[in-house]
Protein backbone atom coordinates (compact mmCIF):
# COMPACT_ATOMS: atom_id res chain seq x y z
CA MET A 1 -0.05 -9.27 -0.45
CA GLY A 2 -2.83 -11.63 0.59
CA LYS A 3 -5.95 -13.03 -0.34
CA ALA A 4 -8.43 -10.93 -2.20
CA THR A 5 -10.82 -8.47 -0.41
CA ALA A 6 -14.55 -8.38 -2.03
CA ASN A 7 -16.47 -5.40 -0.62
CA LYS A 8 -15.42 -1.49 -0.45
CA ALA A 9 -15.65 -1.40 3.07
CA ALA A 10 -12.29 -3.97 3.56
CA GLN A 11 -11.25 -2.97 0.85
CA ILE A 12 -10.74 0.61 1.90
CA GLN A 13 -9.91 -1.00 5.33
CA TYR A 14 -7.19 -2.41 3.37
CA LEU A 15 -5.78 0.47 1.64
CA GLU A 16 -5.82 2.34 5.20
CA ASN A 17 -3.93 -0.04 7.03
CA ARG A 18 -1.50 -0.02 4.11
CA VAL A 19 -0.60 3.55 4.17
CA LYS A 20 0.00 3.20 7.82
CA LEU A 21 2.07 0.92 7.38
CA LEU A 22 3.99 2.51 5.26
CA SER A 23 3.19 5.43 7.30
CA HIS A 24 5.77 3.35 10.01
CA VAL A 25 8.58 2.40 8.02
CA VAL A 26 9.15 5.86 6.76
CA ALA A 27 9.23 7.03 10.32
CA ALA A 28 11.33 4.57 11.63
CA LEU A 29 13.96 5.41 8.93
CA ASN A 30 17.36 6.23 10.55
CA ARG A 31 17.79 9.61 9.39
CA GLU A 32 21.36 9.29 9.19
CA ALA A 33 21.73 6.07 8.18
CA ALA A 34 19.10 5.58 5.73
CA ASP A 35 20.54 4.55 2.23
CA GLU A 36 18.85 3.44 -1.73
CA ASN A 37 18.01 0.28 -0.51
CA ASP A 38 15.97 1.74 2.34
CA LEU A 39 14.58 4.24 -0.02
CA LYS A 40 13.80 0.47 -2.79
CA ASN A 41 11.70 -0.98 -0.63
CA ILE A 42 9.75 1.97 -0.13
CA LEU A 43 8.76 2.35 -3.40
CA THR A 44 8.42 -1.41 -3.49
CA MET A 45 5.57 -0.68 -0.87
CA LEU A 46 4.08 2.43 -2.75
CA ASP A 47 4.20 0.06 -6.57
CA ASP A 48 2.41 -2.65 -4.91
CA LEU A 49 -0.08 -0.48 -3.47
CA LYS A 50 -0.78 1.49 -6.76
CA ILE A 51 -1.32 -2.16 -8.23
CA LYS A 52 -4.25 -3.01 -5.37
CA VAL A 53 -5.83 0.87 -5.67
CA LYS A 54 -6.27 -0.17 -9.85
CA ARG A 55 -7.63 -3.25 -9.16
CA PHE A 56 -9.58 -2.03 -6.38
CA HIS A 57 -11.04 1.01 -8.88
CA ASP A 58 -11.39 -1.38 -11.24
CA ASP A 59 -14.01 -3.88 -9.41
CA TRP A 60 -15.68 -0.67 -8.19
CA ALA A 61 -15.93 0.20 -11.43
CA SER A 62 -17.29 -2.91 -12.87
CA GLN A 63 -19.75 -3.20 -9.80
CA ASP A 64 -21.27 -0.25 -10.87
């Protein structure tokens, strides 16, 4: 998902961008034609985001 981000401000910006991207993906779904693959892609995005949030959390905890 890209190169590592070291400072808190950049990490927050990264998360904001990923959430916006996820929002755009969901908004772009065709309500009549969406299928299980669309939902699988959203789940993958959420899983990737969760991994990144945990990594940032661990980074912040180790800095304190």
